[in-house]
Amino acid sequence: MQDWLVELLTDYEELSIVISILISILVSIFGFLPSVFITAANLLVFGIWKGTFLSFIGEVLGAIIAFLLYRKGFKKLAHKKPITNRLINGLLAAKGKDAFVLILSLRLLPFIPSGVVTFTAAVGEVSILIFILASTIGKIPALLLEAYSVYHVTSITTEGKIIVTIVSLVGIVYLLGKLITKNRKRDR
């Protein structure tokens, strides 16, 4: 996917910024697609600083547009089925400063899918202004970390290899922990 996007951005150089932002918006709207391949392509085509900034703009605009679409399309449907997750219920009911802090915190956590945060905030009581501020501020450190990691992984530096190894080990430990917990619950 990344190679295809790099090729697209270089083939249509005069439209490359618009194409990158539009793809970021589409990824945000779908909510389950990873944005890391867009960040990687942006870094390879535009360089680390311009590529990071372009990824940031695309993700922020994507989150805002997705929020508006989700709010318009799903708000009435979302309250028909009761939700048992405490964190999701907290975000659904949050307003003002509490909503700001919760969205900001969730944006900083790399293992919380961005689409879940956007969708839950959109169908909840969060105002658009609070969502935009919290999301934008929360995306800054998250995207800087992503860009740093992607840069070193795509450069295949020693740091990149270490990052890939650490991420892989964390993923393996997480999956093993889930498997062990599941087996313990089943054995009881």
N, C-alpha and C. Protein backbone atom coordinates (compact mmCIF):
# COMPACT_ATOMS: atom_id res chain seq x y z
N MET A 1 0.83 -1.19 0.00
CA MET A 1 0.00 0.00 0.00
C MET A 1 0.87 1.26 0.00
N GLN A 2 1.90 1.25 0.83
CA GLN A 2 2.80 2.39 0.92
C GLN A 2 3.48 2.65 -0.42
N ASP A 3 3.95 1.59 -1.09
CA ASP A 3 4.62 1.75 -2.38
C ASP A 3 3.67 2.34 -3.42
N TRP A 4 2.44 1.87 -3.41
CA TRP A 4 1.44 2.39 -4.34
C TRP A 4 1.21 3.88 -4.09
N LEU A 5 1.11 4.27 -2.83
CA LEU A 5 0.87 5.67 -2.49
C LEU A 5 2.08 6.54 -2.85
N VAL A 6 3.28 6.06 -2.61
CA VAL A 6 4.49 6.80 -2.99
C VAL A 6 4.49 7.03 -4.50
N GLU A 7 4.17 5.99 -5.24
CA GLU A 7 4.13 6.10 -6.70
C GLU A 7 3.05 7.11 -7.15
N LEU A 8 1.89 7.04 -6.52
CA LEU A 8 0.81 7.96 -6.85
C LEU A 8 1.22 9.41 -6.56
N LEU A 9 1.82 9.64 -5.41
CA LEU A 9 2.23 10.99 -5.03
C LEU A 9 3.33 11.53 -5.93
N THR A 10 4.24 10.68 -6.38
CA THR A 10 5.31 11.15 -7.26
C THR A 10 4.82 11.30 -8.70
N ASP A 11 3.89 10.45 -9.14
CA ASP A 11 3.35 10.56 -10.49
C ASP A 11 2.52 11.83 -10.67
N TYR A 12 1.81 12.22 -9.63
CA TYR A 12 0.95 13.40 -9.68
C TYR A 12 1.49 14.46 -8.71
N GLU A 13 2.72 14.85 -8.95
CA GLU A 13 3.43 15.76 -8.04
C GLU A 13 2.67 17.05 -7.77
N GLU A 14 2.04 17.61 -8.80
CA GLU A 14 1.33 18.88 -8.62
C GLU A 14 0.08 18.73 -7.75
N LEU A 15 -0.43 17.53 -7.62
CA LEU A 15 -1.62 17.28 -6.78
C LEU A 15 -1.28 16.45 -5.55
N SER A 16 -0.02 16.18 -5.33
CA SER A 16 0.38 15.23 -4.28
C SER A 16 -0.09 15.63 -2.89
N ILE A 17 -0.05 16.91 -2.57
CA ILE A 17 -0.48 17.34 -1.23
C ILE A 17 -1.98 17.11 -1.07
N VAL A 18 -2.75 17.46 -2.07
CA VAL A 18 -4.20 17.26 -2.03
C VAL A 18 -4.53 15.77 -1.96
N ILE A 19 -3.84 14.96 -2.75
CA ILE A 19 -4.08 13.51 -2.74
C ILE A 19 -3.79 12.93 -1.36
N SER A 20 -2.68 13.31 -0.77
CA SER A 20 -2.31 12.81 0.55
C SER A 20 -3.36 13.17 1.59
N ILE A 21 -3.80 14.42 1.58
CA ILE A 21 -4.81 14.85 2.55
C ILE A 21 -6.13 14.12 2.33
N LEU A 22 -6.54 13.97 1.08
CA LEU A 22 -7.80 13.26 0.78
C LEU A 22 -7.74 11.80 1.24
N ILE A 23 -6.62 11.16 1.03
CA ILE A 23 -6.48 9.76 1.48
C ILE A 23 -6.52 9.70 3.00
N SER A 24 -5.88 10.64 3.68
CA SER A 24 -5.94 10.69 5.14
C SER A 24 -7.38 10.87 5.63
N ILE A 25 -8.13 11.71 4.96
CA ILE A 25 -9.53 11.92 5.32
C ILE A 25 -10.33 10.64 5.15
N LEU A 26 -10.13 9.95 4.02
CA LEU A 26 -10.84 8.69 3.79
C LEU A 26 -10.49 7.64 4.85
N VAL A 27 -9.21 7.56 5.21
CA VAL A 27 -8.78 6.61 6.25
C VAL A 27 -9.48 6.94 7.57
N SER A 28 -9.57 8.22 7.89
CA SER A 28 -10.24 8.64 9.13
C SER A 28 -11.73 8.32 9.10
N ILE A 29 -12.37 8.51 7.97
CA ILE A 29 -13.79 8.23 7.86
C ILE A 29 -14.06 6.74 8.04
N PHE A 30 -13.25 5.90 7.42
CA PHE A 30 -13.45 4.46 7.56
C PHE A 30 -13.10 4.00 8.96
N GLY A 31 -12.20 4.67 9.64
CA GLY A 31 -11.95 4.47 11.05
C GLY A 31 -11.18 3.25 11.47
N PHE A 32 -11.04 2.27 10.63
CA PHE A 32 -10.34 1.05 11.04
C PHE A 32 -9.06 0.82 10.25
N LEU A 33 -8.81 1.64 9.26
CA LEU A 33 -7.59 1.51 8.46
C LEU A 33 -6.45 2.23 9.16
N PRO A 34 -5.26 1.66 9.16
CA PRO A 34 -4.13 2.33 9.80
C PRO A 34 -3.61 3.49 8.94
N SER A 35 -3.23 4.57 9.60
CA SER A 35 -2.72 5.74 8.88
C SER A 35 -1.20 5.68 8.70
N VAL A 36 -0.57 4.68 9.26
CA VAL A 36 0.88 4.62 9.25
C VAL A 36 1.43 4.54 7.82
N PHE A 37 0.73 3.90 6.90
CA PHE A 37 1.23 3.81 5.54
C PHE A 37 1.20 5.18 4.85
N ILE A 38 0.25 6.04 5.21
CA ILE A 38 0.21 7.39 4.66
C ILE A 38 1.37 8.21 5.21
N THR A 39 1.61 8.08 6.50
CA THR A 39 2.73 8.78 7.12
C THR A 39 4.05 8.34 6.47
N ALA A 40 4.20 7.04 6.26
CA ALA A 40 5.43 6.53 5.63
C ALA A 40 5.60 7.11 4.22
N ALA A 41 4.53 7.10 3.44
CA ALA A 41 4.60 7.65 2.08
C ALA A 41 4.91 9.14 2.12
N ASN A 42 4.27 9.86 3.02
CA ASN A 42 4.53 11.30 3.13
C ASN A 42 5.99 11.59 3.48
N LEU A 43 6.55 10.79 4.39
CA LEU A 43 7.95 10.99 4.78
C LEU A 43 8.89 10.70 3.62
N LEU A 44 8.58 9.65 2.87
CA LEU A 44 9.43 9.29 1.74
C LEU A 44 9.35 10.31 0.60
N VAL A 45 8.17 10.85 0.37
CA VAL A 45 7.98 11.78 -0.75
C VAL A 45 8.34 13.22 -0.38
N PHE A 46 7.92 13.66 0.81
CA PHE A 46 8.06 15.07 1.18
C PHE A 46 9.18 15.36 2.17
N GLY A 47 9.78 14.33 2.72
CA GLY A 47 10.81 14.54 3.75
C GLY A 47 10.18 14.48 5.13
N ILE A 48 11.03 14.45 6.14
CA ILE A 48 10.53 14.20 7.50
C ILE A 48 9.64 15.33 8.03
N TRP A 49 10.05 16.58 7.88
CA TRP A 49 9.26 17.66 8.49
C TRP A 49 8.01 17.98 7.69
N LYS A 50 8.14 18.15 6.40
CA LYS A 50 6.96 18.45 5.57
C LYS A 50 6.01 17.24 5.55
N GLY A 51 6.58 16.04 5.50
CA GLY A 51 5.75 14.83 5.50
C GLY A 51 4.99 14.66 6.80
N THR A 52 5.65 14.95 7.92
CA THR A 52 4.99 14.86 9.22
C THR A 52 3.88 15.90 9.33
N PHE A 53 4.19 17.13 8.91
CA PHE A 53 3.19 18.20 8.96
C PHE A 53 1.99 17.86 8.07
N LEU A 54 2.25 17.33 6.89
CA LEU A 54 1.17 16.96 5.98
C LEU A 54 0.32 15.83 6.57
N SER A 55 0.95 14.86 7.19
CA SER A 55 0.21 13.78 7.85
C SER A 55 -0.65 14.33 8.98
N PHE A 56 -0.10 15.27 9.74
CA PHE A 56 -0.83 15.88 10.84
C PHE A 56 -2.08 16.61 10.32
N ILE A 57 -1.91 17.42 9.29
CA ILE A 57 -3.05 18.16 8.71
C ILE A 57 -4.10 17.18 8.20
N GLY A 58 -3.68 16.14 7.50
CA GLY A 58 -4.62 15.15 6.98
C GLY A 58 -5.37 14.43 8.08
N GLU A 59 -4.67 14.07 9.15
CA GLU A 59 -5.33 13.36 10.25
C GLU A 59 -6.29 14.26 11.01
N VAL A 60 -5.92 15.52 11.21
CA VAL A 60 -6.81 16.45 11.93
C VAL A 60 -8.07 16.71 11.09
N LEU A 61 -7.88 17.04 9.80
CA LEU A 61 -9.05 17.26 8.94
C LEU A 61 -9.90 15.99 8.84
N GLY A 62 -9.25 14.85 8.75
CA GLY A 62 -9.98 13.58 8.68
C GLY A 62 -10.80 13.32 9.93
N ALA A 63 -10.23 13.60 11.10
CA ALA A 63 -10.95 13.41 12.36
C ALA A 63 -12.16 14.34 12.44
N ILE A 64 -11.99 15.58 12.01
CA ILE A 64 -13.10 16.54 12.07
C ILE A 64 -14.23 16.12 11.12
N ILE A 65 -13.87 15.76 9.90
CA ILE A 65 -14.89 15.36 8.92
C ILE A 65 -15.57 14.07 9.36
N ALA A 66 -14.78 13.11 9.85
CA ALA A 66 -15.37 11.86 10.34
C ALA A 66 -16.31 12.13 11.51
N PHE A 67 -15.91 13.00 12.44
CA PHE A 67 -16.75 13.37 13.58
C PHE A 67 -18.10 13.90 13.10
N LEU A 68 -18.06 14.82 12.16
CA LEU A 68 -19.29 15.42 11.64
C LEU A 68 -20.18 14.39 10.93
N LEU A 69 -19.57 13.53 10.15
CA LEU A 69 -20.34 12.49 9.45
C LEU A 69 -20.93 11.48 10.44
N TYR A 70 -20.12 11.04 11.40
CA TYR A 70 -20.61 10.09 12.40
C TYR A 70 -21.74 10.70 13.22
N ARG A 71 -21.57 11.96 13.60
CA ARG A 71 -22.60 12.62 14.40
C ARG A 71 -23.91 12.69 13.63
N LYS A 72 -23.84 13.04 12.37
CA LYS A 72 -25.04 13.16 11.54
C LYS A 72 -25.68 11.79 11.28
N GLY A 73 -24.87 10.79 11.04
CA GLY A 73 -25.40 9.50 10.63
C GLY A 73 -25.69 8.50 11.73
N PHE A 74 -24.99 8.59 12.86
CA PHE A 74 -25.08 7.50 13.85
C PHE A 74 -25.58 7.90 15.23
N LYS A 75 -25.71 9.18 15.50
CA LYS A 75 -26.04 9.61 16.87
C LYS A 75 -27.34 8.98 17.37
N LYS A 76 -28.39 8.97 16.56
CA LYS A 76 -29.66 8.40 16.99
C LYS A 76 -29.57 6.89 17.16
N LEU A 77 -28.85 6.23 16.27
CA LEU A 77 -28.72 4.77 16.33
C LEU A 77 -27.90 4.30 17.53
N ALA A 78 -26.90 5.06 17.90
CA ALA A 78 -25.96 4.64 18.94
C ALA A 78 -26.60 4.51 20.32
N HIS A 79 -27.65 5.26 20.59
CA HIS A 79 -28.25 5.23 21.93
C HIS A 79 -29.36 4.19 22.07
N LYS A 80 -29.61 3.42 21.04
CA LYS A 80 -30.66 2.39 21.09
C LYS A 80 -30.18 1.12 21.78
N LYS A 81 -28.89 0.82 21.70
CA LYS A 81 -28.33 -0.40 22.29
C LYS A 81 -27.47 -0.02 23.49
N PRO A 82 -27.72 -0.61 24.66
CA PRO A 82 -26.92 -0.26 25.84
C PRO A 82 -25.47 -0.71 25.69
N ILE A 83 -24.56 0.11 26.21
CA ILE A 83 -23.13 -0.15 26.13
C ILE A 83 -22.62 -0.48 27.53
N THR A 84 -21.81 -1.52 27.63
CA THR A 84 -21.33 -1.97 28.94
C THR A 84 -19.90 -1.54 29.24
N ASN A 85 -19.17 -1.06 28.25
CA ASN A 85 -17.79 -0.65 28.47
C ASN A 85 -17.75 0.67 29.23
N ARG A 86 -17.07 0.68 30.37
CA ARG A 86 -17.01 1.84 31.25
C ARG A 86 -16.33 3.03 30.58
N LEU A 87 -15.24 2.79 29.84
CA LEU A 87 -14.51 3.86 29.18
C LEU A 87 -15.36 4.51 28.08
N ILE A 88 -16.02 3.68 27.30
CA ILE A 88 -16.88 4.21 26.23
C ILE A 88 -18.05 4.97 26.83
N ASN A 89 -18.68 4.45 27.87
CA ASN A 89 -19.78 5.16 28.52
C ASN A 89 -19.31 6.49 29.09
N GLY A 90 -18.10 6.52 29.62
CA GLY A 90 -17.54 7.76 30.15
C GLY A 90 -17.37 8.80 29.06
N LEU A 91 -16.88 8.38 27.91
CA LEU A 91 -16.71 9.32 26.81
C LEU A 91 -18.06 9.75 26.23
N LEU A 92 -19.01 8.83 26.18
CA LEU A 92 -20.35 9.18 25.67
C LEU A 92 -21.01 10.27 26.51
N ALA A 93 -20.81 10.22 27.80
CA ALA A 93 -21.47 11.16 28.70
C ALA A 93 -20.64 12.41 28.98
N ALA A 94 -19.37 12.40 28.62
CA ALA A 94 -18.47 13.50 28.97
C ALA A 94 -18.82 14.79 28.23
N LYS A 95 -18.65 15.88 28.94
CA LYS A 95 -18.86 17.21 28.38
C LYS A 95 -17.77 18.13 28.88
N GLY A 96 -17.58 19.24 28.19
CA GLY A 96 -16.68 20.29 28.64
C GLY A 96 -15.27 19.81 28.92
N LYS A 97 -14.74 20.24 30.07
CA LYS A 97 -13.36 19.93 30.46
C LYS A 97 -13.12 18.43 30.57
N ASP A 98 -14.09 17.70 31.11
CA ASP A 98 -13.94 16.25 31.23
C ASP A 98 -13.80 15.59 29.86
N ALA A 99 -14.61 16.03 28.91
CA ALA A 99 -14.52 15.48 27.55
C ALA A 99 -13.17 15.81 26.93
N PHE A 100 -12.73 17.05 27.14
CA PHE A 100 -11.44 17.48 26.59
C PHE A 100 -10.31 16.59 27.10
N VAL A 101 -10.25 16.40 28.40
CA VAL A 101 -9.18 15.60 29.01
C VAL A 101 -9.27 14.14 28.56
N LEU A 102 -10.46 13.60 28.48
CA LEU A 102 -10.63 12.21 28.07
C LEU A 102 -10.21 12.00 26.61
N ILE A 103 -10.65 12.86 25.72
CA ILE A 103 -10.28 12.73 24.30
C ILE A 103 -8.78 12.92 24.13
N LEU A 104 -8.23 13.93 24.79
CA LEU A 104 -6.78 14.17 24.72
C LEU A 104 -6.02 12.94 25.21
N SER A 105 -6.43 12.38 26.31
CA SER A 105 -5.76 11.20 26.87
C SER A 105 -5.85 10.01 25.92
N LEU A 106 -7.02 9.80 25.34
CA LEU A 106 -7.20 8.67 24.43
C LEU A 106 -6.39 8.85 23.15
N ARG A 107 -6.24 10.07 22.69
CA ARG A 107 -5.44 10.34 21.50
C ARG A 107 -3.96 10.06 21.75
N LEU A 108 -3.53 10.19 22.99
CA LEU A 108 -2.13 9.96 23.33
C LEU A 108 -1.79 8.48 23.43
N LEU A 109 -2.79 7.63 23.61
CA LEU A 109 -2.56 6.19 23.75
C LEU A 109 -2.50 5.54 22.37
N PRO A 110 -1.37 4.98 22.00
CA PRO A 110 -1.22 4.46 20.64
C PRO A 110 -2.05 3.21 20.35
N PHE A 111 -2.49 2.49 21.37
CA PHE A 111 -3.23 1.25 21.12
C PHE A 111 -4.74 1.45 21.07
N ILE A 112 -5.21 2.67 21.25
CA ILE A 112 -6.63 2.97 21.11
C ILE A 112 -6.86 3.45 19.68
N PRO A 113 -7.65 2.71 18.90
CA PRO A 113 -7.88 3.13 17.51
C PRO A 113 -8.53 4.51 17.44
N SER A 114 -7.99 5.35 16.58
CA SER A 114 -8.46 6.72 16.41
C SER A 114 -9.94 6.74 16.03
N GLY A 115 -10.35 5.81 15.18
CA GLY A 115 -11.75 5.77 14.75
C GLY A 115 -12.72 5.52 15.89
N VAL A 116 -12.31 4.72 16.85
CA VAL A 116 -13.16 4.44 18.01
C VAL A 116 -13.36 5.70 18.84
N VAL A 117 -12.29 6.46 19.04
CA VAL A 117 -12.37 7.70 19.81
C VAL A 117 -13.28 8.69 19.08
N THR A 118 -13.06 8.84 17.79
CA THR A 118 -13.86 9.78 16.99
C THR A 118 -15.33 9.38 16.99
N PHE A 119 -15.61 8.11 16.75
CA PHE A 119 -16.99 7.64 16.69
C PHE A 119 -17.70 7.83 18.03
N THR A 120 -17.05 7.42 19.10
CA THR A 120 -17.66 7.52 20.43
C THR A 120 -17.91 8.97 20.81
N ALA A 121 -16.96 9.84 20.52
CA ALA A 121 -17.15 11.26 20.81
C ALA A 121 -18.29 11.83 19.98
N ALA A 122 -18.38 11.42 18.72
CA ALA A 122 -19.41 11.95 17.82
C ALA A 122 -20.82 11.56 18.24
N VAL A 123 -20.99 10.36 18.74
CA VAL A 123 -22.34 9.93 19.14
C VAL A 123 -22.64 10.30 20.59
N GLY A 124 -21.65 10.84 21.27
CA GLY A 124 -21.84 11.26 22.66
C GLY A 124 -22.25 12.71 22.77
N GLU A 125 -21.92 13.31 23.88
CA GLU A 125 -22.34 14.68 24.20
C GLU A 125 -21.25 15.72 23.94
N VAL A 126 -20.12 15.31 23.40
CA VAL A 126 -18.99 16.20 23.19
C VAL A 126 -19.31 17.25 22.13
N SER A 127 -18.96 18.51 22.42
CA SER A 127 -19.15 19.56 21.41
C SER A 127 -18.07 19.44 20.35
N ILE A 128 -18.36 19.94 19.16
CA ILE A 128 -17.39 19.89 18.07
C ILE A 128 -16.12 20.67 18.41
N LEU A 129 -16.25 21.79 19.09
CA LEU A 129 -15.08 22.60 19.44
C LEU A 129 -14.16 21.86 20.41
N ILE A 130 -14.74 21.25 21.43
CA ILE A 130 -13.94 20.47 22.40
C ILE A 130 -13.25 19.32 21.67
N PHE A 131 -13.99 18.64 20.79
CA PHE A 131 -13.41 17.52 20.04
C PHE A 131 -12.23 17.99 19.19
N ILE A 132 -12.41 19.08 18.46
CA ILE A 132 -11.34 19.57 17.58
C ILE A 132 -10.10 19.94 18.39
N LEU A 133 -10.28 20.67 19.48
CA LEU A 133 -9.13 21.08 20.30
C LEU A 133 -8.40 19.88 20.90
N ALA A 134 -9.15 18.99 21.54
CA ALA A 134 -8.53 17.83 22.19
C ALA A 134 -7.87 16.90 21.17
N SER A 135 -8.55 16.65 20.06
CA SER A 135 -8.00 15.77 19.04
C SER A 135 -6.73 16.35 18.43
N THR A 136 -6.77 17.62 18.11
CA THR A 136 -5.63 18.25 17.47
C THR A 136 -4.41 18.24 18.40
N ILE A 137 -4.61 18.63 19.63
CA ILE A 137 -3.49 18.64 20.59
C ILE A 137 -2.99 17.21 20.84
N GLY A 138 -3.92 16.26 20.97
CA GLY A 138 -3.54 14.87 21.23
C GLY A 138 -2.82 14.21 20.06
N LYS A 139 -3.11 14.65 18.86
CA LYS A 139 -2.48 14.04 17.69
C LYS A 139 -1.03 14.49 17.50
N ILE A 140 -0.67 15.63 18.08
CA ILE A 140 0.71 16.13 17.89
C ILE A 140 1.75 15.14 18.40
N PRO A 141 1.74 14.78 19.69
CA PRO A 141 2.78 13.84 20.14
C PRO A 141 2.62 12.45 19.53
N ALA A 142 1.38 12.02 19.32
CA ALA A 142 1.16 10.70 18.73
C ALA A 142 1.73 10.63 17.31
N LEU A 143 1.51 11.67 16.52
CA LEU A 143 2.00 11.67 15.15
C LEU A 143 3.52 11.86 15.10
N LEU A 144 4.07 12.66 16.01
CA LEU A 144 5.53 12.80 16.06
C LEU A 144 6.19 11.46 16.37
N LEU A 145 5.62 10.72 17.30
CA LEU A 145 6.14 9.39 17.63
C LEU A 145 6.01 8.45 16.44
N GLU A 146 4.85 8.49 15.79
CA GLU A 146 4.63 7.65 14.61
C GLU A 146 5.62 8.01 13.50
N ALA A 147 5.79 9.30 13.23
CA ALA A 147 6.70 9.74 12.17
C ALA A 147 8.13 9.34 12.49
N TYR A 148 8.53 9.50 13.74
CA TYR A 148 9.89 9.12 14.15
C TYR A 148 10.11 7.62 13.93
N SER A 149 9.14 6.84 14.36
CA SER A 149 9.24 5.39 14.21
C SER A 149 9.27 4.98 12.74
N VAL A 150 8.33 5.53 11.97
CA VAL A 150 8.25 5.20 10.54
C VAL A 150 9.53 5.62 9.82
N TYR A 151 10.03 6.78 10.15
CA TYR A 151 11.26 7.25 9.51
C TYR A 151 12.40 6.27 9.72
N HIS A 152 12.57 5.82 10.95
CA HIS A 152 13.67 4.90 11.23
C HIS A 152 13.42 3.51 10.67
N VAL A 153 12.16 3.10 10.63
CA VAL A 153 11.85 1.79 10.06
C VAL A 153 12.07 1.83 8.55
N THR A 154 11.60 2.88 7.88
CA THR A 154 11.79 2.96 6.43
C THR A 154 13.24 3.20 6.05
N SER A 155 14.00 3.78 6.95
CA SER A 155 15.43 4.00 6.69
C SER A 155 16.24 2.75 7.03
N ILE A 156 15.65 1.83 7.73
CA ILE A 156 16.28 0.61 8.20
C ILE A 156 17.60 0.92 8.92
N THR A 157 17.52 1.89 9.80
CA THR A 157 18.67 2.21 10.64
C THR A 157 18.67 1.23 11.82
N THR A 158 19.70 1.30 12.60
CA THR A 158 19.77 0.49 13.80
C THR A 158 18.59 0.84 14.72
N GLU A 159 18.30 2.14 14.83
CA GLU A 159 17.16 2.56 15.65
C GLU A 159 15.86 1.98 15.10
N GLY A 160 15.73 1.96 13.78
CA GLY A 160 14.52 1.39 13.15
C GLY A 160 14.37 -0.09 13.47
N LYS A 161 15.46 -0.81 13.40
CA LYS A 161 15.42 -2.24 13.73
C LYS A 161 15.04 -2.45 15.19
N ILE A 162 15.56 -1.60 16.07
CA ILE A 162 15.22 -1.69 17.49
C ILE A 162 13.73 -1.40 17.70
N ILE A 163 13.23 -0.39 17.02
CA ILE A 163 11.80 -0.04 17.14
C ILE A 163 10.93 -1.19 16.67
N VAL A 164 11.24 -1.76 15.52
CA VAL A 164 10.47 -2.89 15.01
C VAL A 164 10.52 -4.06 15.98
N THR A 165 11.68 -4.32 16.53
CA THR A 165 11.83 -5.42 17.49
C THR A 165 10.99 -5.17 18.74
N ILE A 166 11.05 -3.95 19.27
CA ILE A 166 10.29 -3.63 20.49
C ILE A 166 8.79 -3.72 20.23
N VAL A 167 8.34 -3.14 19.12
CA VAL A 167 6.91 -3.20 18.79
C VAL A 167 6.46 -4.64 18.62
N SER A 168 7.27 -5.44 17.95
CA SER A 168 6.93 -6.85 17.76
C SER A 168 6.86 -7.59 19.09
N LEU A 169 7.84 -7.34 19.96
CA LEU A 169 7.84 -8.01 21.26
C LEU A 169 6.64 -7.59 22.11
N VAL A 170 6.32 -6.29 22.09
CA VAL A 170 5.14 -5.81 22.83
C VAL A 170 3.88 -6.49 22.30
N GLY A 171 3.76 -6.58 20.99
CA GLY A 171 2.61 -7.25 20.39
C GLY A 171 2.52 -8.71 20.78
N ILE A 172 3.64 -9.39 20.77
CA ILE A 172 3.66 -10.81 21.15
C ILE A 172 3.30 -10.98 22.61
N VAL A 173 3.88 -10.16 23.49
CA VAL A 173 3.58 -10.23 24.92
C VAL A 173 2.09 -9.95 25.16
N TYR A 174 1.56 -8.95 24.47
CA TYR A 174 0.14 -8.61 24.61
C TYR A 174 -0.74 -9.79 24.19
N LEU A 175 -0.45 -10.37 23.03
CA LEU A 175 -1.25 -11.50 22.55
C LEU A 175 -1.13 -12.71 23.47
N LEU A 176 0.07 -12.97 23.96
CA LEU A 176 0.26 -14.08 24.90
C LEU A 176 -0.51 -13.82 26.19
N GLY A 177 -0.47 -12.58 26.69
CA GLY A 177 -1.22 -12.23 27.89
C GLY A 177 -2.72 -12.44 27.71
N LYS A 178 -3.24 -12.04 26.56
CA LYS A 178 -4.67 -12.23 26.27
C LYS A 178 -5.00 -13.72 26.22
N LEU A 179 -4.13 -14.50 25.58
CA LEU A 179 -4.35 -15.94 25.46
C LEU A 179 -4.32 -16.61 26.83
N ILE A 180 -3.37 -16.25 27.67
CA ILE A 180 -3.26 -16.83 29.01
C ILE A 180 -4.48 -16.45 29.85
N THR A 181 -4.89 -15.19 29.78
CA THR A 181 -6.07 -14.74 30.53
C THR A 181 -7.32 -15.48 30.08
N LYS A 182 -7.45 -15.64 28.79
CA LYS A 182 -8.62 -16.34 28.24
C LYS A 182 -8.64 -17.80 28.71
N ASN A 183 -7.46 -18.44 28.70
CA ASN A 183 -7.38 -19.84 29.13
C ASN A 183 -7.67 -19.98 30.63
N ARG A 184 -7.20 -19.04 31.43
CA ARG A 184 -7.46 -19.09 32.87
C ARG A 184 -8.95 -18.94 33.16
N LYS A 185 -9.60 -18.04 32.45
CA LYS A 185 -11.05 -17.85 32.65
C LYS A 185 -11.82 -19.09 32.23
N ARG A 186 -11.38 -19.72 31.16
CA ARG A 186 -12.05 -20.93 30.67
C ARG A 186 -11.86 -22.10 31.64
N ASP A 187 -10.68 -22.17 32.28
CA ASP A 187 -10.38 -23.27 33.19
C ASP A 187 -11.10 -23.16 34.53
N ARG A 188 -11.62 -21.99 34.86
CA ARG A 188 -12.26 -21.80 36.17
C ARG A 188 -13.60 -22.41 36.22
